[in-house]
Amino acid sequence: MRNSHLVLRKIVVGVGLICGVLSTVHAKQPLNPEGSSQRTEQVAVRSQEMMAVTANPLATDAAMTILNQGGSAADAAIAAQLVLNLVEPQSSGIGGGGFILAFHPKSGLITYDAREVAPLDSPVVYFGQPGHELSFKTVMNSGLSVGVPGLLLGLEQLHTEYGHLPWATLFAPAITLAEQGFLVSPRLHTLIQQSRADLARQPETAAYFLDAEQQAWPVGHRLRNPQFAAVLRLLAQQGSSSFYQGALARDMIAAVRNQPISGYLTEQDLRAYSVVKRPALCMTLKQWEICGMPPPSSGSLAVMQILGILQHTPIAQYAPDSWQAVHYFSEASRLAFADRDTWVADPDFVAVPVAELLSAEYLAQRAQGIQADQAMGVALPGELTQLTPPALAPALEQAATTHLVVADARGQLISMTSSIEAAFGSKIWVQGFLLNNQLTDFSFGNQQTDGRIVVNRLEPQKRPRSSMAPMMVFEAGMPVLALGSPGGSAIVLYVAQALSAMFYWNLEPQQAVNLDHYGSRNGPTELEADRPISRHQDTLKALGHEVRLQSFPSGTHIIAKDKQGVLSSGVDPRREGSAAGR
């Protein structure tokens, strides 16, 4: 598997029609605030040797700098992630976690689970359970929400196994930007302004993000972070040991413990954290092998279920922006979310029936519940062989996450999604970076229903379920696509829609990410507000859909490779992302 150089011809129609020598090219997306309906459709970047697509032009520049110095895709992804921690602090960073897919022509595909874990002293209760009736927002903005960060150790392990340049070299772009400063973008300004009341409750956080009048720094303000620069220099010189032990570790613990509602993080938690290398979750669909993160992420599993169900529908007969496409995609996605919310949790605590959930027979049976002229309403989980479904319990995942993809000239490919969960995480500031609130990704409410347990309940040392879905697609053994998106639980919809667009309608990556969003998370059928797709709401209501118009600020990023080896980008027009290549 993954030994041939054949690639997915249908996905990147016309990508190979590039003449002459391809020099470095760089396209930057206009800086639109979160949820803005104003966007400029972007032209795909194409390159012959290497490419980076990230959520911010400064991070893309850092990745290309490392690639041009002879660094690997892993090196470039690490450098980009460190810059994103600085310039997109609301979304990800070393105070959080993530999932990494790494492909190398010689060693194949490996995944790194750098997800946060619940501290050892965490109480075995549900947030919101009787007797613990704190609101979701209260828990989110408290020490209770902070899981043991895993991203830095994940990056270090990735570098150990796939890096070419020295570890310290990868920190240089972020250190320079932290010291010299960067300009506040429209999106960062908007999100700070939206969150300023919560940020203001944390004095150190407010001192960095807010001006003297407790307002967001204006667009174009040069924001410097010397504290983070100092932390980066320490990590560059001493590695992750200086994060998980020593003064910095004690600072994180103190920050969590000294909150009005304190958390449970300890030195033992930080010392004991480990990254888990898991076998990739893969599924065959026609001539493609689709691979992604296994549980505790539900993202790739749900995406694969949607694609597997859709192949039993006539969706490909209709235009991707038709009401029929919305109907079939929404019905398939609600079936996948019913299974996801019921069965998926940390596989070290729960036996997740992945094989049966992805079996051809099961997906065909699930597709039989979709009618052409009638919405099904709320879907129930499927009936699995000799298994009683646990209690269905969605988690209230927030949308502050980031995704990047990098390809190098040696054939190495990285797809990485990382997060601190909600915008600005727990809002807790430690030496220039924010700590996550990932423990609110555990189910919120009662821990059992009718005697059936909720598998995603909070337990010590458990990893909360995620929807992050970094994925790769292979044909004849070689990768032809790498993609993923931020967006909380809507990540599943974004990634599944992009893949559907390329599989069923032969769209190029950039065309796929430009599509108006739609789908269902087993609730209302959601249509992207202020976009042409909303014209279908009356037709869908007539079919029995409950329709909701809402912002869908995805950040889907794609690298595709055609049979000539030409790389092609997809950059979501809804955020600040950019692509560059050489």
Protein backbone atom coordinates (compact mmCIF):
# COMPACT_ATOMS: atom_id res chain seq x y z
CA MET A 1 0.00 0.00 0.00
CA ARG A 2 1.13 3.58 -0.74
CA ASN A 3 3.99 2.54 -3.06
CA SER A 4 2.72 3.67 -6.46
CA HIS A 5 2.93 7.12 -8.03
CA LEU A 6 -0.55 6.97 -9.54
CA VAL A 7 -2.76 9.76 -8.27
CA LEU A 8 -6.34 10.91 -8.18
CA ARG A 9 -7.05 12.33 -11.62
CA LYS A 10 -10.67 13.32 -11.02
CA ILE A 11 -9.97 15.43 -7.96
CA VAL A 12 -7.66 17.95 -9.56
CA VAL A 13 -9.03 18.36 -13.07
CA GLY A 14 -6.73 20.56 -15.05
CA VAL A 15 -4.08 20.88 -12.36
CA GLY A 16 -1.48 19.42 -14.67
CA LEU A 17 -2.11 21.99 -17.39
CA ILE A 18 0.66 24.24 -16.14
CA CYS A 19 3.31 25.36 -18.61
CA GLY A 20 6.90 26.37 -18.06
CA VAL A 21 8.97 26.40 -14.88
CA LEU A 22 7.00 27.02 -11.69
CA SER A 23 8.73 29.52 -9.43
CA THR A 24 7.64 30.32 -5.89
CA VAL A 25 4.04 31.51 -5.84
CA HIS A 26 2.10 32.90 -2.91
CA ALA A 27 -1.55 33.82 -2.67
CA LYS A 28 -2.93 35.56 0.40
CA GLN A 29 -6.57 35.63 1.42
CA PRO A 30 -8.17 38.98 2.30
CA LEU A 31 -8.48 39.28 6.07
CA ASN A 32 -12.17 38.78 6.81
CA PRO A 33 -13.50 38.74 10.37
CA GLU A 34 -15.16 35.68 11.86
CA GLY A 35 -18.45 34.88 10.19
CA SER A 36 -18.25 37.61 7.57
CA SER A 37 -20.27 36.96 4.44
CA GLN A 38 -17.95 39.28 2.50
CA ARG A 39 -15.30 37.17 0.85
CA THR A 40 -13.20 37.03 -2.26
CA GLU A 41 -12.92 33.66 -3.97
CA GLN A 42 -9.27 32.74 -4.18
CA VAL A 43 -7.32 31.40 -7.14
CA ALA A 44 -5.50 28.16 -6.42
CA VAL A 45 -1.73 28.15 -5.99
CA ARG A 46 0.06 25.48 -8.03
CA SER A 47 3.64 24.39 -7.59
CA GLN A 48 5.96 21.61 -8.63
CA GLU A 49 8.01 20.83 -5.53
CA MET A 50 6.58 21.98 -2.21
CA MET A 51 3.61 23.77 -0.69
CA ALA A 52 2.22 25.08 2.59
CA VAL A 53 -1.36 26.10 3.37
CA THR A 54 -2.03 27.59 6.80
CA ALA A 55 -4.52 29.86 8.55
CA ASN A 56 -2.37 32.99 8.43
CA PRO A 57 0.05 34.41 5.83
CA LEU A 58 2.76 34.84 8.45
CA ALA A 59 2.55 31.16 9.34
CA THR A 60 2.62 30.19 5.66
CA ASP A 61 5.70 32.37 5.20
CA ALA A 62 7.38 30.63 8.15
CA ALA A 63 6.64 27.22 6.66
CA MET A 64 8.07 28.24 3.29
CA THR A 65 11.17 29.69 4.95
CA ILE A 66 11.86 26.35 6.58
CA LEU A 67 11.16 24.40 3.37
CA ASN A 68 13.49 26.66 1.42
CA GLN A 69 16.21 25.98 4.01
CA GLY A 70 15.95 22.27 3.27
CA GLY A 71 13.53 21.46 6.04
CA SER A 72 11.01 18.65 5.83
CA ALA A 73 7.25 19.04 5.76
CA ALA A 74 7.31 18.16 9.46
CA ASP A 75 9.82 20.93 10.17
CA ALA A 76 7.72 23.44 8.24
CA ALA A 77 4.50 22.41 9.99
CA ILE A 78 6.14 22.89 13.40
CA ALA A 79 7.45 26.35 12.50
CA ALA A 80 4.04 27.34 11.14
CA GLN A 81 2.24 26.08 14.24
CA LEU A 82 4.48 28.11 16.53
CA VAL A 83 3.74 31.24 14.52
CA LEU A 84 0.00 30.47 14.60
CA ASN A 85 0.24 30.32 18.41
CA LEU A 86 1.38 33.94 18.25
CA VAL A 87 -0.72 35.47 15.45
CA GLU A 88 -3.87 33.35 15.87
CA PRO A 89 -3.82 32.90 19.68
CA GLN A 90 -7.57 32.45 19.87
CA SER A 91 -7.36 29.16 17.98
CA SER A 92 -4.40 26.99 18.96
CA GLY A 93 -1.05 26.83 20.67
CA ILE A 94 1.26 25.04 23.07
CA GLY A 95 -1.36 25.41 25.82
CA GLY A 96 -3.61 23.07 23.85
CA GLY A 97 -3.49 19.88 21.82
CA GLY A 98 -3.96 18.45 18.37
CA PHE A 99 -3.88 15.56 15.94
CA ILE A 100 -1.20 15.02 13.30
CA LEU A 101 -1.12 12.82 10.20
CA ALA A 102 2.35 12.32 8.76
CA PHE A 103 3.10 10.47 5.52
CA HIS A 104 6.57 9.49 4.31
CA PRO A 105 7.12 7.48 1.11
CA LYS A 106 9.29 4.95 2.97
CA SER A 107 7.45 4.53 6.24
CA GLY A 108 3.87 5.20 5.14
CA LEU A 109 1.22 6.94 7.23
CA ILE A 110 1.35 7.46 10.99
CA THR A 111 -0.90 9.45 13.31
CA TYR A 112 -0.01 11.33 16.49
CA ASP A 113 -2.65 11.80 19.16
CA ALA A 114 -1.53 14.89 21.08
CA ARG A 115 -4.97 15.47 22.56
CA GLU A 116 -5.27 16.90 26.07
CA VAL A 117 -6.11 14.57 28.96
CA ALA A 118 -8.13 15.10 32.12
CA PRO A 119 -5.97 15.52 35.25
CA LEU A 120 -5.53 12.59 37.62
CA ASP A 121 -7.51 14.34 40.36
CA SER A 122 -10.48 15.15 38.11
CA PRO A 123 -13.75 14.25 39.82
CA VAL A 124 -15.68 11.45 38.15
CA VAL A 125 -18.72 13.61 37.42
CA TYR A 126 -20.35 15.20 34.44
CA PHE A 127 -20.05 18.92 34.17
CA GLY A 128 -23.58 20.16 34.72
CA GLN A 129 -24.61 17.06 36.68
CA PRO A 130 -26.96 17.65 39.64
CA GLY A 131 -24.84 18.97 42.46
CA HIS A 132 -22.42 20.51 39.96
CA GLU A 133 -24.76 22.94 38.24
CA LEU A 134 -22.18 25.39 36.95
CA SER A 135 -23.07 26.72 33.52
CA PHE A 136 -21.13 25.64 30.46
CA LYS A 137 -19.66 29.13 30.05
CA THR A 138 -18.64 29.29 33.70
CA VAL A 139 -16.81 25.99 33.47
CA MET A 140 -15.26 26.96 30.12
CA ASN A 141 -13.73 30.13 31.58
CA SER A 142 -12.34 28.50 34.71
CA GLY A 143 -9.55 26.26 35.87
CA LEU A 144 -11.95 23.29 35.71
CA SER A 145 -11.78 23.26 31.91
CA VAL A 146 -8.01 22.97 31.53
CA GLY A 147 -6.69 19.64 30.29
CA VAL A 148 -3.04 18.59 30.25
CA PRO A 149 -1.59 20.22 27.10
CA GLY A 150 -0.23 17.82 24.50
CA LEU A 151 0.64 19.80 21.38
CA LEU A 152 4.27 20.64 22.16
CA LEU A 153 5.21 17.03 22.90
CA GLY A 154 3.41 16.01 19.72
CA LEU A 155 5.46 18.49 17.70
CA GLU A 156 8.67 17.33 19.32
CA GLN A 157 7.95 13.68 18.62
CA LEU A 158 7.04 14.53 15.03
CA HIS A 159 10.39 16.32 14.68
CA THR A 160 12.32 13.43 16.22
CA GLU A 161 10.92 11.02 13.67
CA TYR A 162 10.47 13.19 10.55
CA GLY A 163 12.49 16.40 11.05
CA HIS A 164 15.59 17.35 9.08
CA LEU A 165 16.63 20.73 10.48
CA PRO A 166 17.71 21.30 14.10
CA TRP A 167 14.82 21.73 16.55
CA ALA A 168 15.93 25.22 17.57
CA THR A 169 15.90 26.42 13.95
CA LEU A 170 12.14 25.88 13.78
CA PHE A 171 11.52 28.43 16.53
CA ALA A 172 13.32 31.31 14.84
CA PRO A 173 10.37 32.71 12.81
CA ALA A 174 8.04 32.78 15.81
CA ILE A 175 10.68 34.27 18.11
CA THR A 176 11.39 37.07 15.64
CA LEU A 177 7.70 37.88 15.23
CA ALA A 178 7.06 37.76 18.98
CA GLU A 179 9.88 40.22 19.62
CA GLN A 180 9.32 42.55 16.68
CA GLY A 181 5.54 42.29 16.76
CA PHE A 182 2.85 41.62 14.19
CA LEU A 183 -0.15 43.62 13.02
CA VAL A 184 -3.52 42.81 14.52
CA SER A 185 -5.70 41.42 11.74
CA PRO A 186 -9.42 42.14 11.26
CA ARG A 187 -10.37 38.66 12.43
CA LEU A 188 -8.21 38.81 15.57
CA HIS A 189 -9.58 42.27 16.37
CA THR A 190 -13.17 41.09 15.94
CA LEU A 191 -12.73 38.01 18.11
CA ILE A 192 -10.97 39.98 20.87
CA GLN A 193 -13.80 42.51 20.82
CA GLN A 194 -16.41 39.76 20.99
CA SER A 195 -14.60 38.10 23.93
CA ARG A 196 -13.39 41.20 25.76
CA ALA A 197 -15.71 40.79 28.78
CA ASP A 198 -14.32 37.30 29.45
CA LEU A 199 -10.75 38.34 28.67
CA ALA A 200 -11.05 41.29 31.04
CA ARG A 201 -11.68 38.93 33.99
CA GLN A 202 -8.11 37.67 33.65
CA PRO A 203 -5.77 40.64 34.38
CA GLU A 204 -2.70 39.26 32.56
CA THR A 205 -4.81 38.21 29.56
CA ALA A 206 -6.50 41.61 29.43
CA ALA A 207 -3.16 43.42 29.63
CA TYR A 208 -2.08 41.74 26.40
CA PHE A 209 -5.26 41.77 24.33
CA LEU A 210 -7.03 44.95 25.50
CA ASP A 211 -6.12 48.64 25.53
CA ALA A 212 -6.47 51.03 28.48
CA GLU A 213 -10.21 51.39 27.78
CA GLN A 214 -10.64 47.58 27.85
CA GLN A 215 -11.29 47.50 24.11
CA ALA A 216 -9.66 45.28 21.50
CA TRP A 217 -6.50 46.65 19.97
CA PRO A 218 -7.40 48.22 16.60
CA VAL A 219 -6.70 46.55 13.29
CA GLY A 220 -3.11 47.29 12.33
CA HIS A 221 -1.87 47.73 15.90
CA ARG A 222 1.59 46.17 16.32
CA LEU A 223 1.28 43.53 19.02
CA ARG A 224 4.47 42.29 20.68
CA ASN A 225 4.78 39.30 22.98
CA PRO A 226 8.20 39.26 24.69
CA GLN A 227 6.96 36.73 27.27
CA PHE A 228 6.21 34.21 24.55
CA ALA A 229 9.54 34.93 22.88
CA ALA A 230 11.28 34.02 26.13
CA VAL A 231 9.27 30.79 26.42
CA LEU A 232 10.11 29.90 22.82
CA ARG A 233 13.81 30.45 23.43
CA LEU A 234 13.64 28.16 26.45
CA LEU A 235 11.81 25.45 24.50
CA ALA A 236 14.17 25.81 21.54
CA GLN A 237 17.18 25.23 23.79
CA GLN A 238 15.83 22.64 26.22
CA GLY A 239 12.99 20.94 24.39
CA SER A 240 9.65 19.87 25.81
CA SER A 241 11.15 18.84 29.16
CA SER A 242 11.25 22.53 30.12
CA PHE A 243 7.50 22.73 29.44
CA TYR A 244 6.37 19.63 31.30
CA GLN A 245 8.75 20.09 34.24
CA GLY A 246 10.34 23.02 36.03
CA ALA A 247 9.37 26.65 36.44
CA LEU A 248 7.10 26.88 33.41
CA ALA A 249 5.17 23.80 34.49
CA ARG A 250 4.76 25.26 37.97
CA ASP A 251 3.50 28.53 36.45
CA MET A 252 0.82 26.64 34.49
CA ILE A 253 -0.28 24.76 37.59
CA ALA A 254 -0.43 27.95 39.66
CA ALA A 255 -2.46 29.72 36.98
CA VAL A 256 -5.02 26.89 36.95
CA ARG A 257 -5.12 26.45 40.72
CA ASN A 258 -5.37 30.16 41.55
CA GLN A 259 -8.58 30.76 39.63
CA PRO A 260 -11.81 31.71 41.43
CA ILE A 261 -13.01 28.28 40.29
CA SER A 262 -9.80 26.29 40.32
CA GLY A 263 -8.82 23.22 38.35
CA TYR A 264 -6.97 20.01 39.12
CA LEU A 265 -3.73 20.24 37.10
CA THR A 266 -0.64 18.94 38.95
CA GLU A 267 3.06 18.42 38.30
CA GLN A 268 2.40 14.70 38.10
CA ASP A 269 -0.11 15.29 35.28
CA LEU A 270 2.41 17.21 33.23
CA ARG A 271 5.25 14.76 33.83
CA ALA A 272 3.04 11.77 32.95
CA TYR A 273 1.65 13.13 29.68
CA SER A 274 2.43 11.05 26.59
CA VAL A 275 1.63 11.28 22.88
CA VAL A 276 -0.13 8.20 21.48
CA LYS A 277 0.79 6.93 18.03
CA ARG A 278 -2.32 5.24 16.70
CA PRO A 279 -2.91 3.28 13.49
CA ALA A 280 -4.67 5.46 10.97
CA LEU A 281 -8.38 4.89 10.47
CA CYS A 282 -8.92 4.07 6.79
CA MET A 283 -11.84 3.28 4.51
CA THR A 284 -11.99 2.29 0.84
CA LEU A 285 -14.37 4.25 -1.37
CA LYS A 286 -14.28 3.38 -5.08
CA GLN A 287 -10.60 3.72 -6.13
CA TRP A 288 -9.65 5.81 -3.09
CA GLU A 289 -8.41 4.98 0.36
CA ILE A 290 -9.55 7.65 2.79
CA CYS A 291 -7.52 7.88 6.02
CA GLY A 292 -7.70 9.98 9.15
CA MET A 293 -7.49 10.09 12.92
CA PRO A 294 -9.15 7.27 14.85
CA PRO A 295 -10.93 7.90 18.17
CA PRO A 296 -10.79 9.79 20.45
CA SER A 297 -11.47 11.97 17.44
CA SER A 298 -14.87 11.32 15.95
CA GLY A 299 -14.15 13.56 12.96
CA SER A 300 -12.67 11.17 10.42
CA LEU A 301 -15.06 8.37 11.37
CA ALA A 302 -18.09 10.62 10.88
CA VAL A 303 -16.72 11.98 7.58
CA MET A 304 -16.20 8.43 6.31
CA GLN A 305 -19.72 7.44 7.37
CA ILE A 306 -21.20 10.40 5.49
CA LEU A 307 -19.26 9.53 2.32
CA GLY A 308 -20.12 5.85 2.64
CA ILE A 309 -23.82 6.60 3.07
CA LEU A 310 -23.89 9.11 0.20
CA GLN A 311 -22.62 6.55 -2.30
CA HIS A 312 -26.00 4.81 -1.87
CA THR A 313 -27.89 7.99 -2.81
CA PRO A 314 -28.30 9.81 -6.15
CA ILE A 315 -26.56 12.96 -4.85
CA ALA A 316 -24.04 12.99 -7.72
CA GLN A 317 -26.90 13.47 -10.22
CA TYR A 318 -27.60 16.94 -8.85
CA ALA A 319 -25.56 20.14 -8.72
CA PRO A 320 -23.55 20.67 -5.50
CA ASP A 321 -25.58 23.81 -4.73
CA SER A 322 -28.98 22.23 -5.43
CA TRP A 323 -31.65 21.59 -2.81
CA GLN A 324 -31.35 17.89 -3.56
CA ALA A 325 -27.65 17.94 -2.65
CA VAL A 326 -28.47 19.78 0.58
CA HIS A 327 -31.18 17.24 1.40
CA TYR A 328 -29.12 14.10 0.81
CA PHE A 329 -25.99 15.49 2.47
CA SER A 330 -27.93 16.68 5.51
CA GLU A 331 -29.68 13.34 5.93
CA ALA A 332 -26.41 11.43 5.68
CA SER A 333 -24.71 13.76 8.14
CA ARG A 334 -27.48 13.49 10.75
CA LEU A 335 -27.12 9.69 10.64
CA ALA A 336 -23.37 10.00 11.17
CA PHE A 337 -23.80 12.44 14.06
CA ALA A 338 -26.28 10.12 15.78
CA ASP A 339 -23.62 7.39 15.77
CA ARG A 340 -20.84 9.79 16.70
CA ASP A 341 -22.70 11.21 19.69
CA THR A 342 -23.54 7.72 20.91
CA TRP A 343 -20.54 5.47 20.35
CA VAL A 344 -17.34 7.53 20.16
CA ALA A 345 -15.04 8.37 23.07
CA ASP A 346 -11.47 7.73 24.19
CA PRO A 347 -10.68 4.17 23.01
CA ASP A 348 -8.48 3.60 26.07
CA PHE A 349 -11.67 3.81 28.15
CA VAL A 350 -14.40 2.65 25.76
CA ALA A 351 -14.55 -0.03 23.08
CA VAL A 352 -15.57 1.98 20.00
CA PRO A 353 -17.11 -0.34 17.33
CA VAL A 354 -15.25 1.36 14.49
CA ALA A 355 -15.16 -1.61 12.12
CA GLU A 356 -18.90 -2.16 12.24
CA LEU A 357 -19.70 1.54 12.00
CA LEU A 358 -17.70 1.67 8.76
CA SER A 359 -18.72 -1.68 7.29
CA ALA A 360 -20.25 -1.57 3.82
CA GLU A 361 -23.32 -3.50 4.99
CA TYR A 362 -23.97 -1.15 7.89
CA LEU A 363 -23.60 2.02 5.78
CA ALA A 364 -25.89 0.62 3.09
CA GLN A 365 -28.46 -0.19 5.77
CA ARG A 366 -28.18 3.33 7.22
CA ALA A 367 -28.70 4.84 3.76
CA GLN A 368 -32.04 3.04 3.47
CA GLY A 369 -33.42 5.47 6.03
CA ILE A 370 -33.03 8.39 3.61
CA GLN A 371 -36.10 9.27 1.55
CA ALA A 372 -35.97 11.45 -1.55
CA ASP A 373 -38.96 13.60 -0.59
CA GLN A 374 -39.10 13.60 3.21
CA ALA A 375 -36.65 14.64 5.94
CA MET A 376 -36.19 12.04 8.68
CA GLY A 377 -36.02 14.48 11.59
CA VAL A 378 -33.72 13.55 14.46
CA ALA A 379 -31.82 10.37 13.62
CA LEU A 380 -31.30 7.53 16.05
CA PRO A 381 -28.02 5.61 16.31
CA GLY A 382 -27.80 2.50 14.22
CA GLU A 383 -28.36 -1.00 15.54
CA LEU A 384 -25.07 -2.83 15.85
CA THR A 385 -24.61 -6.55 16.23
CA GLN A 386 -25.11 -7.68 19.83
CA LEU A 387 -24.41 -4.18 21.17
CA THR A 388 -26.77 -2.00 23.18
CA PRO A 389 -26.24 1.68 22.33
CA PRO A 390 -24.92 3.82 25.18
CA ALA A 391 -26.76 7.03 26.00
CA LEU A 392 -26.73 9.62 23.25
CA ALA A 393 -24.99 12.77 24.53
CA PRO A 394 -23.60 15.49 22.26
CA ALA A 395 -20.79 17.67 23.55
CA LEU A 396 -20.80 21.45 23.15
CA GLU A 397 -17.64 21.78 21.07
CA GLN A 398 -16.53 25.30 20.24
CA ALA A 399 -15.10 26.45 16.91
CA ALA A 400 -11.68 27.93 17.74
CA THR A 401 -9.24 25.58 16.03
CA THR A 402 -6.75 25.72 13.15
CA HIS A 403 -5.65 23.42 10.35
CA LEU A 404 -2.54 23.33 8.17
CA VAL A 405 -1.17 21.12 5.42
CA VAL A 406 2.43 20.98 4.15
CA ALA A 407 4.10 19.00 1.36
CA ASP A 408 7.86 18.90 0.77
CA ALA A 409 9.99 17.97 -2.24
CA ARG A 410 10.86 14.55 -0.77
CA GLY A 411 7.28 13.31 -0.75
CA GLN A 412 6.60 13.93 2.94
CA LEU A 413 3.12 15.24 3.71
CA ILE A 414 1.64 16.63 6.93
CA SER A 415 -2.00 17.27 7.81
CA MET A 416 -2.45 18.75 11.28
CA THR A 417 -5.41 20.12 13.20
CA SER A 418 -4.78 21.78 16.58
CA SER A 419 -6.88 23.65 19.08
CA ILE A 420 -7.33 25.28 22.47
CA GLU A 421 -11.12 24.65 22.06
CA ALA A 422 -13.15 27.86 22.48
CA ALA A 423 -11.94 31.25 21.25
CA PHE A 424 -9.01 32.09 23.57
CA GLY A 425 -9.48 28.78 25.37
CA SER A 426 -9.93 29.08 29.13
CA LYS A 427 -8.72 32.73 28.89
CA ILE A 428 -5.99 31.77 31.38
CA TRP A 429 -2.64 33.37 30.44
CA VAL A 430 0.74 31.81 31.26
CA GLN A 431 3.96 33.51 30.18
CA GLY A 432 2.64 34.71 26.83
CA PHE A 433 0.29 31.88 25.81
CA LEU A 434 -3.22 30.69 26.64
CA LEU A 435 -4.33 27.46 28.25
CA ASN A 436 -7.03 25.30 26.71
CA ASN A 437 -10.58 24.63 27.88
CA GLN A 438 -10.71 21.20 26.23
CA LEU A 439 -12.30 19.41 29.18
CA THR A 440 -15.61 21.01 28.18
CA ASP A 441 -15.46 18.66 25.17
CA PHE A 442 -16.62 15.97 27.56
CA SER A 443 -20.38 15.58 27.53
CA PHE A 444 -22.20 18.13 29.64
CA GLY A 445 -25.11 16.87 31.74
CA ASN A 446 -26.21 13.56 33.25
CA GLN A 447 -23.75 10.68 33.01
CA GLN A 448 -26.38 8.09 32.23
CA THR A 449 -29.86 7.82 30.75
CA ASP A 450 -32.19 4.91 31.48
CA GLY A 451 -29.27 3.04 32.98
CA ARG A 452 -27.08 3.49 29.90
CA ILE A 453 -23.82 5.37 30.40
CA VAL A 454 -22.56 8.26 28.30
CA VAL A 455 -19.26 7.08 26.86
CA ASN A 456 -17.79 10.59 26.59
CA ARG A 457 -18.18 11.32 30.30
CA LEU A 458 -15.39 12.99 32.25
CA GLU A 459 -12.92 10.57 33.86
CA PRO A 460 -9.35 11.04 35.14
CA GLN A 461 -6.66 10.65 32.46
CA LYS A 462 -9.28 10.39 29.73
CA ARG A 463 -9.06 12.28 26.43
CA PRO A 464 -12.25 14.13 25.49
CA ARG A 465 -13.94 13.28 22.22
CA SER A 466 -13.04 15.61 19.38
CA SER A 467 -14.35 16.41 15.91
CA MET A 468 -10.96 17.38 14.51
CA ALA A 469 -10.46 15.57 11.22
CA PRO A 470 -7.04 15.91 9.62
CA MET A 471 -7.27 13.51 6.69
CA MET A 472 -5.43 12.16 3.66
CA VAL A 473 -6.71 10.41 0.55
CA PHE A 474 -4.66 7.78 -1.28
CA GLU A 475 -4.92 6.26 -4.71
CA ALA A 476 -2.86 3.20 -5.61
CA GLY A 477 -0.96 3.68 -2.36
CA MET A 478 0.19 7.28 -2.73
CA PRO A 479 -1.36 10.40 -1.19
CA VAL A 480 -3.32 12.62 -3.55
CA LEU A 481 -5.07 14.82 -0.99
CA ALA A 482 -4.40 16.22 2.46
CA LEU A 483 -7.04 18.33 4.13
CA GLY A 484 -8.85 19.36 7.30
CA SER A 485 -10.61 22.30 8.89
CA PRO A 486 -11.33 24.12 12.14
CA GLY A 487 -14.92 24.61 13.22
CA GLY A 488 -15.89 22.59 16.30
CA SER A 489 -18.35 19.82 15.51
CA ALA A 490 -19.01 21.46 12.13
CA ILE A 491 -15.53 20.26 11.09
CA VAL A 492 -17.23 17.01 10.11
CA LEU A 493 -19.55 18.87 7.73
CA TYR A 494 -16.78 21.00 6.22
CA VAL A 495 -14.42 18.12 5.49
CA ALA A 496 -17.16 15.79 4.28
CA GLN A 497 -18.55 18.48 1.99
CA ALA A 498 -15.12 19.22 0.50
CA LEU A 499 -14.46 15.54 -0.17
CA SER A 500 -17.96 15.04 -1.59
CA ALA A 501 -17.42 17.97 -3.94
CA MET A 502 -14.19 16.47 -5.23
CA PHE A 503 -15.40 12.85 -5.34
CA TYR A 504 -18.93 13.29 -6.66
CA TRP A 505 -18.72 16.50 -8.70
CA ASN A 506 -15.06 16.43 -9.79
CA LEU A 507 -14.38 19.91 -8.38
CA GLU A 508 -10.87 21.18 -7.82
CA PRO A 509 -9.82 21.86 -4.21
CA GLN A 510 -10.32 25.61 -4.41
CA GLN A 511 -13.75 25.17 -5.97
CA ALA A 512 -14.64 22.71 -3.21
CA VAL A 513 -13.78 25.06 -0.33
CA ASN A 514 -15.57 27.95 -2.06
CA LEU A 515 -18.92 26.13 -1.93
CA ASP A 516 -21.61 27.48 0.37
CA HIS A 517 -21.92 25.30 3.45
CA TYR A 518 -24.83 23.14 4.50
CA GLY A 519 -25.54 20.05 6.56
CA SER A 520 -27.00 18.78 9.81
CA ARG A 521 -25.51 17.83 13.15
CA ASN A 522 -28.64 15.80 13.91
CA GLY A 523 -30.58 18.93 14.67
CA PRO A 524 -31.72 21.61 12.24
CA THR A 525 -30.57 21.56 8.65
CA GLU A 526 -28.05 24.38 8.63
CA LEU A 527 -27.50 26.69 5.66
CA GLU A 528 -24.74 29.27 5.42
CA ALA A 529 -26.33 32.65 6.07
CA ASP A 530 -26.17 35.51 3.54
CA ARG A 531 -25.14 33.10 0.79
CA PRO A 532 -27.03 31.85 -2.30
CA ILE A 533 -27.59 28.45 -0.68
CA SER A 534 -30.16 30.04 1.63
CA ARG A 535 -32.58 30.27 -1.33
CA HIS A 536 -33.47 26.62 -0.72
CA GLN A 537 -34.89 27.09 2.76
CA ASP A 538 -38.56 27.06 1.71
CA THR A 539 -38.12 23.96 -0.44
CA LEU A 540 -36.36 22.17 2.39
CA LYS A 541 -39.01 23.19 4.90
CA ALA A 542 -41.62 21.70 2.60
CA LEU A 543 -39.73 18.38 2.86
CA GLY A 544 -39.92 18.55 6.64
CA HIS A 545 -36.51 20.06 7.36
CA GLU A 546 -36.20 22.44 10.26
CA VAL A 547 -33.91 25.05 8.68
CA ARG A 548 -31.46 27.34 10.42
CA LEU A 549 -29.44 30.07 8.68
CA GLN A 550 -26.13 30.70 10.39
CA SER A 551 -22.52 31.72 9.99
CA PHE A 552 -20.21 28.89 8.97
CA PRO A 553 -16.67 30.26 9.48
CA SER A 554 -14.79 27.19 8.30
CA GLY A 555 -11.08 27.25 7.56
CA THR A 556 -10.74 24.23 5.27
CA HIS A 557 -7.27 23.86 3.78
CA ILE A 558 -6.27 21.38 1.09
CA ILE A 559 -3.22 20.26 -0.83
CA ALA A 560 -3.86 17.98 -3.82
CA LYS A 561 -1.35 16.28 -6.10
CA ASP A 562 -2.04 15.32 -9.71
CA LYS A 563 -0.49 12.54 -11.81
CA GLN A 564 2.29 14.86 -13.03
CA GLY A 565 3.22 15.63 -9.44
CA VAL A 566 1.84 19.18 -9.54
CA LEU A 567 0.56 20.43 -6.20
CA SER A 568 -2.64 22.47 -6.01
CA SER A 569 -4.09 24.36 -3.04
CA GLY A 570 -7.49 25.00 -1.58
CA VAL A 571 -7.70 27.95 0.83
CA ASP A 572 -10.95 28.73 2.59
CA PRO A 573 -12.15 32.25 1.70
CA ARG A 574 -13.89 32.68 5.06
CA ARG A 575 -10.74 33.23 7.12
CA GLU A 576 -7.24 34.65 6.77
CA GLY A 577 -5.51 31.64 5.26
CA SER A 578 -2.91 31.61 2.53
CA ALA A 579 -1.07 29.14 0.33
CA ALA A 580 2.45 29.30 -1.02
CA GLY A 581 4.55 26.96 -3.09
CA ARG A 582 7.69 26.52 -5.13
